[in-house]
Amino acid sequence: MTIAFPRRSLLIAALACTALLLGIGSLLTGPTRFGTGEIAHILAGGGDPVLRAVLLELRLPRALLGLMVGGMLGLGGAVLQGYLRNPLAEPSVLGTSNAAALGAVIALYFGLAQAHPLVLPLLAIAGALLGLAPLLLLAGRAESPLSLILAGIAVGTLAGAGISLALNLAPNPFAAMEIMSWLMGSLEDRSFDHIWLALPCIAAGGALLLWNARSLDALTLGEDAAQTLGVDLRRLRLRLLIGIAIGIGGAVAVTGAVGFVGLIVPHLLRPLTDRAPSALLLPSALGGAALLSAADIAVRLIPTEIELRLGVLTALLGVPVFLYHLARERRLW
């Protein structure tokens, strides 16, 4: 007798397999080709030193970061859309991405990034965390999601103005080009140092967001009903803000600004679930990992003289997909 697996379990399994296959595909994508025997020798600790360095020191960190960062962006978008009850919500709506980007721009503008490769991502994480203070101050003690959206717009606009100011006052064209290059997002030339820096942030932030899944379900009934069910709205908001700031800050810190993943993935997967926020979180994380890995493979396969930036490609792909999905639904979320 066959056992029917729940639809959600099948979706999670399919997305997990897709993300894994795309991660392996990312590991094998590039000008240097690897045979099955060569890969086996390298994994066993042998093989050609040059091929070993290419596979384990260049491509493996890139593939792992694509899965980690994409997963965090997808999860963050699903959480914010559930909490704010706004289908247009994504991590940037709270200004977290812009605050993290401003921290990185400061490192580039003042030449701090030249002191050590990890200075830039560390300042980006610091920028995301510091962006929490004005967000909480502006949102105040109000429990309405609208106040949080407005506060996030203010924080994001302020951080964006700081980035524009740095570009405007860049001491030389090379500094401006370096800032613009980072802002477009990329996984190129990343190492295990970046993984060890981003992993604790993404793991802690992701765990904190997943922990509040049931509270997000209660919020679909309204604030009053959620409070009746025992949800402390102020503590919930604080936990979600900290989770977003830590997780998205760690992700943006090592890749630069990569947009539309957190917006598009929940929209694509919501029709495949029961539309409850908690049912969408894990699929969105796996879908985000798969999408960003696929985009990173594409930037290496598209024939251009200079490798296409990851954030540019996600934007080019994201806008048409979002508009198509919007036209197809033609109803309120």
Protein backbone atom coordinates (compact mmCIF):
# COMPACT_ATOMS: atom_id res chain seq x y z
CA MET A 1 0.00 0.00 0.00
CA THR A 2 1.42 3.38 -0.96
CA ILE A 3 1.59 6.24 1.50
CA ALA A 4 0.48 9.64 0.21
CA PHE A 5 2.90 12.31 1.26
CA PRO A 6 1.46 15.70 2.16
CA ARG A 7 1.63 18.26 -0.61
CA ARG A 8 3.88 20.54 1.44
CA SER A 9 6.37 17.73 2.07
CA LEU A 10 6.56 16.98 -1.65
CA LEU A 11 7.11 20.68 -2.38
CA ILE A 12 9.90 20.94 0.20
CA ALA A 13 11.56 17.77 -1.10
CA ALA A 14 11.37 18.98 -4.71
CA LEU A 15 12.79 22.39 -3.82
CA ALA A 16 15.55 20.85 -1.71
CA CYS A 17 16.59 18.57 -4.58
CA THR A 18 16.49 21.48 -7.03
CA ALA A 19 18.62 23.66 -4.76
CA LEU A 20 21.11 20.81 -4.25
CA LEU A 21 21.40 20.11 -7.98
CA LEU A 22 21.87 23.79 -8.77
CA GLY A 23 24.49 24.03 -6.03
CA ILE A 24 26.38 21.15 -7.64
CA GLY A 25 25.89 22.81 -11.04
CA SER A 26 27.39 26.02 -9.67
CA LEU A 27 30.35 24.03 -8.39
CA LEU A 28 30.98 22.63 -11.88
CA THR A 29 30.35 25.83 -13.89
CA GLY A 30 33.35 27.71 -15.24
CA PRO A 31 36.10 27.62 -17.84
CA THR A 32 37.95 24.81 -16.04
CA ARG A 33 36.33 21.44 -16.67
CA PHE A 34 36.35 18.56 -14.19
CA GLY A 35 35.87 14.89 -14.88
CA THR A 36 34.23 12.52 -12.42
CA GLY A 37 37.59 10.89 -11.69
CA GLU A 38 39.28 14.23 -11.05
CA ILE A 39 36.57 15.29 -8.64
CA ALA A 40 36.84 11.96 -6.80
CA HIS A 41 40.62 12.35 -6.46
CA ILE A 42 40.25 15.92 -5.19
CA LEU A 43 37.62 14.95 -2.64
CA ALA A 44 39.86 12.12 -1.49
CA GLY A 45 42.61 14.64 -0.74
CA GLY A 46 44.68 14.21 -3.91
CA GLY A 47 44.49 15.42 -7.47
CA ASP A 48 46.21 18.24 -9.29
CA PRO A 49 46.96 21.15 -6.90
CA VAL A 50 45.72 23.76 -9.37
CA LEU A 51 42.46 21.94 -10.06
CA ARG A 52 42.06 21.33 -6.35
CA ALA A 53 42.43 25.06 -5.64
CA VAL A 54 39.91 25.97 -8.34
CA LEU A 55 37.31 23.50 -7.09
CA LEU A 56 37.68 23.84 -3.32
CA GLU A 57 38.96 27.37 -2.83
CA LEU A 58 37.15 29.27 -5.59
CA ARG A 59 34.02 27.43 -6.67
CA LEU A 60 32.96 25.67 -3.45
CA PRO A 61 32.69 28.88 -1.36
CA ARG A 62 30.81 30.55 -4.21
CA ALA A 63 28.33 27.67 -4.51
CA LEU A 64 27.76 27.50 -0.75
CA LEU A 65 27.26 31.26 -0.45
CA GLY A 66 24.75 31.19 -3.30
CA LEU A 67 22.65 28.66 -1.40
CA MET A 68 23.03 30.42 1.97
CA VAL A 69 22.36 33.96 0.79
CA GLY A 70 19.51 32.96 -1.53
CA GLY A 71 17.89 30.99 1.29
CA MET A 72 18.09 33.94 3.67
CA LEU A 73 16.69 36.39 1.11
CA GLY A 74 13.78 34.09 0.26
CA LEU A 75 13.00 33.45 3.93
CA GLY A 76 13.23 37.14 4.82
CA GLY A 77 10.81 38.07 2.04
CA ALA A 78 8.27 35.44 3.09
CA VAL A 79 8.42 36.51 6.75
CA LEU A 80 7.96 40.20 5.98
CA GLN A 81 5.10 39.56 3.56
CA GLY A 82 3.39 37.51 6.26
CA TYR A 83 4.02 39.95 9.10
CA LEU A 84 3.27 43.16 7.23
CA ARG A 85 0.46 41.50 5.24
CA ASN A 86 1.85 43.28 2.21
CA PRO A 87 2.63 41.32 -0.99
CA LEU A 88 5.22 43.94 -1.98
CA ALA A 89 7.27 43.52 1.19
CA GLU A 90 10.87 42.32 1.00
CA PRO A 91 13.97 42.86 3.20
CA SER A 92 14.66 46.26 1.65
CA VAL A 93 11.28 47.59 2.82
CA LEU A 94 12.71 47.92 6.35
CA GLY A 95 15.84 49.65 5.13
CA THR A 96 18.01 46.75 6.30
CA SER A 97 19.63 46.16 2.92
CA ASN A 98 20.36 49.86 2.43
CA ALA A 99 21.78 50.18 5.95
CA ALA A 100 24.07 47.21 5.35
CA ALA A 101 25.09 48.63 1.98
CA LEU A 102 25.90 51.98 3.61
CA GLY A 103 28.24 50.23 6.06
CA ALA A 104 30.05 48.58 3.15
CA VAL A 105 30.21 51.86 1.22
CA ILE A 106 31.82 53.55 4.22
CA ALA A 107 34.50 50.84 4.22
CA LEU A 108 35.16 51.43 0.52
CA TYR A 109 34.98 55.22 0.67
CA PHE A 110 37.51 55.62 3.48
CA GLY A 111 39.78 52.84 2.19
CA LEU A 112 39.15 50.64 5.24
CA ALA A 113 38.43 47.65 3.01
CA GLN A 114 42.07 47.63 1.89
CA ALA A 115 43.27 46.91 5.42
CA HIS A 116 41.70 43.43 5.45
CA PRO A 117 39.16 41.67 3.17
CA LEU A 118 36.80 41.07 6.10
CA VAL A 119 36.56 44.73 7.12
CA LEU A 120 33.94 45.41 4.40
CA PRO A 121 31.49 42.62 5.37
CA LEU A 122 31.97 43.37 9.08
CA LEU A 123 31.01 47.01 8.57
CA ALA A 124 28.05 45.94 6.43
CA ILE A 125 26.76 43.75 9.27
CA ALA A 126 27.35 46.61 11.71
CA GLY A 127 25.40 48.94 9.43
CA ALA A 128 22.42 46.55 9.35
CA LEU A 129 22.38 46.28 13.14
CA LEU A 130 22.76 50.02 13.65
CA GLY A 131 19.85 50.53 11.28
CA LEU A 132 17.65 48.81 13.88
CA ALA A 133 17.94 51.73 16.32
CA PRO A 134 16.29 54.43 14.16
CA LEU A 135 13.79 51.85 12.89
CA LEU A 136 12.60 51.04 16.41
CA LEU A 137 12.71 54.70 17.41
CA LEU A 138 10.64 55.85 14.44
CA ALA A 139 8.16 52.98 14.70
CA GLY A 140 7.74 53.70 18.40
CA ARG A 141 5.42 51.54 20.45
CA ALA A 142 2.75 51.36 17.76
CA GLU A 143 1.63 47.84 16.94
CA SER A 144 0.41 48.61 13.42
CA PRO A 145 2.56 47.21 10.58
CA LEU A 146 2.00 50.49 8.72
CA SER A 147 4.16 52.38 11.22
CA LEU A 148 6.95 49.89 10.66
CA ILE A 149 6.70 50.24 6.86
CA LEU A 150 6.89 54.02 7.09
CA ALA A 151 9.83 53.84 9.49
CA GLY A 152 11.59 51.39 7.15
CA ILE A 153 11.09 53.73 4.21
CA ALA A 154 12.65 56.55 6.24
CA VAL A 155 15.66 54.45 7.27
CA GLY A 156 16.14 53.11 3.75
CA THR A 157 15.89 56.58 2.22
CA LEU A 158 18.41 57.97 4.70
CA ALA A 159 20.86 55.13 4.04
CA GLY A 160 20.35 55.55 0.29
CA ALA A 161 21.12 59.25 0.61
CA GLY A 162 24.34 58.36 2.43
CA ILE A 163 25.33 56.01 -0.40
CA SER A 164 24.57 58.69 -3.02
CA LEU A 165 26.61 61.21 -1.03
CA ALA A 166 29.57 58.84 -0.96
CA LEU A 167 29.34 58.39 -4.73
CA ASN A 168 29.01 62.14 -5.23
CA LEU A 169 32.05 62.93 -3.05
CA ALA A 170 34.18 59.92 -4.03
CA PRO A 171 37.85 61.01 -3.91
CA ASN A 172 38.58 59.48 -7.30
CA PRO A 173 36.77 57.65 -10.13
CA PHE A 174 38.23 54.32 -9.05
CA ALA A 175 36.63 54.59 -5.61
CA ALA A 176 33.26 55.38 -7.21
CA MET A 177 33.60 52.42 -9.58
CA GLU A 178 34.48 50.12 -6.68
CA ILE A 179 31.42 51.27 -4.75
CA MET A 180 29.12 50.84 -7.76
CA SER A 181 30.56 47.41 -8.48
CA TRP A 182 29.86 46.25 -4.94
CA LEU A 183 26.34 47.69 -4.97
CA MET A 184 25.47 45.60 -8.04
CA GLY A 185 26.08 42.37 -6.12
CA SER A 186 28.30 39.41 -6.93
CA LEU A 187 29.56 36.07 -5.60
CA GLU A 188 32.80 36.29 -7.53
CA ASP A 189 36.13 35.84 -5.69
CA ARG A 190 34.53 34.83 -2.38
CA SER A 191 36.40 32.58 0.04
CA PHE A 192 35.70 30.46 3.10
CA ASP A 193 36.46 33.51 5.24
CA HIS A 194 33.26 35.05 3.87
CA ILE A 195 31.35 31.84 4.64
CA TRP A 196 32.51 31.74 8.25
CA LEU A 197 31.53 35.38 8.61
CA ALA A 198 28.08 35.09 7.03
CA LEU A 199 27.10 31.63 8.31
CA PRO A 200 26.55 32.53 12.00
CA CYS A 201 24.50 35.60 11.01
CA ILE A 202 22.37 33.73 8.49
CA ALA A 203 21.89 30.72 10.81
CA ALA A 204 20.93 32.86 13.82
CA GLY A 205 18.68 35.18 11.82
CA GLY A 206 17.01 32.33 9.94
CA ALA A 207 16.36 30.34 13.14
CA LEU A 208 14.82 33.39 14.81
CA LEU A 209 12.49 33.97 11.86
CA LEU A 210 11.42 30.31 11.62
CA TRP A 211 10.75 30.22 15.35
CA ASN A 212 7.97 32.80 14.94
CA ALA A 213 6.11 30.96 12.19
CA ARG A 214 3.01 30.17 14.28
CA SER A 215 2.74 33.77 15.47
CA LEU A 216 2.63 34.86 11.83
CA ASP A 217 -0.29 32.48 11.28
CA ALA A 218 -2.12 34.02 14.22
CA LEU A 219 -1.63 37.51 12.76
CA THR A 220 -3.66 36.57 9.69
CA LEU A 221 -6.70 36.76 11.99
CA GLY A 222 -5.85 40.36 12.94
CA GLU A 223 -3.93 41.99 15.79
CA ASP A 224 -6.74 41.65 18.34
CA ALA A 225 -7.31 37.98 17.60
CA ALA A 226 -3.55 37.29 17.69
CA GLN A 227 -3.28 38.93 21.11
CA THR A 228 -6.21 36.85 22.31
CA LEU A 229 -4.27 33.75 21.21
CA GLY A 230 -1.33 34.86 23.35
CA VAL A 231 0.87 36.62 20.78
CA ASP A 232 2.84 39.55 22.22
CA LEU A 233 2.94 41.84 19.19
CA ARG A 234 5.77 44.05 20.46
CA ARG A 235 8.05 41.15 21.27
CA LEU A 236 7.17 39.48 17.99
CA ARG A 237 8.10 42.60 16.07
CA LEU A 238 11.39 42.92 17.97
CA ARG A 239 12.31 39.28 17.29
CA LEU A 240 11.49 39.61 13.60
CA LEU A 241 13.44 42.86 13.25
CA ILE A 242 16.50 41.37 14.94
CA GLY A 243 16.26 38.24 12.81
CA ILE A 244 15.98 40.26 9.59
CA ALA A 245 18.81 42.62 10.57
CA ILE A 246 21.21 39.82 11.51
CA GLY A 247 20.32 37.45 8.68
CA ILE A 248 19.96 39.93 5.81
CA GLY A 249 22.90 41.96 7.11
CA GLY A 250 25.12 38.88 7.00
CA ALA A 251 23.87 37.98 3.52
CA VAL A 252 24.26 41.44 2.00
CA ALA A 253 27.65 41.81 3.66
CA VAL A 254 29.27 39.11 1.51
CA THR A 255 27.37 39.51 -1.77
CA GLY A 256 26.47 43.16 -2.09
CA ALA A 257 22.96 44.28 -2.98
CA VAL A 258 20.93 41.49 -4.62
CA GLY A 259 17.30 42.43 -5.12
CA PHE A 260 13.99 40.80 -6.06
CA VAL A 261 14.78 37.34 -4.65
CA GLY A 262 12.86 38.02 -1.44
CA LEU A 263 9.99 39.55 -3.41
CA ILE A 264 9.58 37.05 -6.24
CA VAL A 265 10.14 33.67 -4.57
CA PRO A 266 7.24 33.86 -2.06
CA HIS A 267 4.89 34.98 -4.87
CA LEU A 268 5.88 32.03 -7.06
CA LEU A 269 5.51 29.47 -4.27
CA ARG A 270 2.43 30.77 -2.44
CA PRO A 271 -0.07 29.14 -4.87
CA LEU A 272 1.62 25.78 -4.18
CA THR A 273 0.94 26.02 -0.43
CA ASP A 274 -2.16 26.57 1.69
CA ARG A 275 -1.18 30.30 1.75
CA ALA A 276 -0.57 30.26 5.52
CA PRO A 277 2.61 32.24 6.35
CA SER A 278 4.17 29.35 8.27
CA ALA A 279 3.68 26.97 5.33
CA LEU A 280 5.58 29.35 3.06
CA LEU A 281 8.73 29.99 5.11
CA LEU A 282 10.80 26.86 4.48
CA PRO A 283 9.77 26.54 0.80
CA SER A 284 10.73 30.19 0.27
CA ALA A 285 14.15 29.59 1.83
CA LEU A 286 14.77 26.60 -0.45
CA GLY A 287 13.34 28.44 -3.46
CA GLY A 288 15.55 31.45 -2.79
CA ALA A 289 18.60 29.21 -2.57
CA ALA A 290 17.70 27.58 -5.89
CA LEU A 291 16.96 30.89 -7.62
CA LEU A 292 20.17 32.62 -6.57
CA SER A 293 22.26 29.57 -7.46
CA ALA A 294 20.63 29.45 -10.90
CA ALA A 295 21.27 33.17 -11.40
CA ASP A 296 24.92 32.74 -10.39
CA ILE A 297 25.31 29.95 -12.93
CA ALA A 298 23.71 32.16 -15.58
CA VAL A 299 26.07 35.11 -15.02
CA ARG A 300 28.99 32.77 -15.78
CA LEU A 301 27.37 31.25 -18.88
CA ILE A 302 26.18 34.47 -20.52
CA PRO A 303 28.89 35.44 -23.03
CA THR A 304 30.12 38.88 -21.94
CA GLU A 305 33.61 40.36 -21.78
CA ILE A 306 33.09 41.23 -18.10
CA GLU A 307 31.06 38.88 -15.90
CA LEU A 308 27.51 40.17 -15.48
CA ARG A 309 26.75 41.28 -11.94
CA LEU A 310 24.41 39.06 -9.96
CA GLY A 311 22.16 41.87 -8.72
CA VAL A 312 21.69 43.12 -12.28
CA LEU A 313 20.56 39.70 -13.51
CA THR A 314 18.14 39.09 -10.62
CA ALA A 315 16.55 42.47 -11.34
CA LEU A 316 16.29 41.75 -15.08
CA LEU A 317 14.69 38.38 -14.38
CA GLY A 318 12.63 39.46 -11.41
CA VAL A 319 10.68 42.34 -12.91
CA PRO A 320 9.10 40.39 -15.84
CA VAL A 321 8.32 37.40 -13.60
CA PHE A 322 6.70 39.65 -11.02
CA LEU A 323 4.62 41.53 -13.63
CA TYR A 324 3.51 38.26 -15.24
CA HIS A 325 2.52 36.83 -11.88
CA LEU A 326 0.68 40.02 -10.97
CA ALA A 327 -1.28 40.02 -14.25
CA ARG A 328 -2.09 36.34 -13.84
CA GLU A 329 -3.44 36.67 -10.31
CA ARG A 330 -5.52 39.84 -10.87
CA ARG A 331 -6.74 39.74 -7.30
CA LEU A 332 -5.80 40.94 -3.88
CA TRP A 333 -3.31 38.81 -1.99
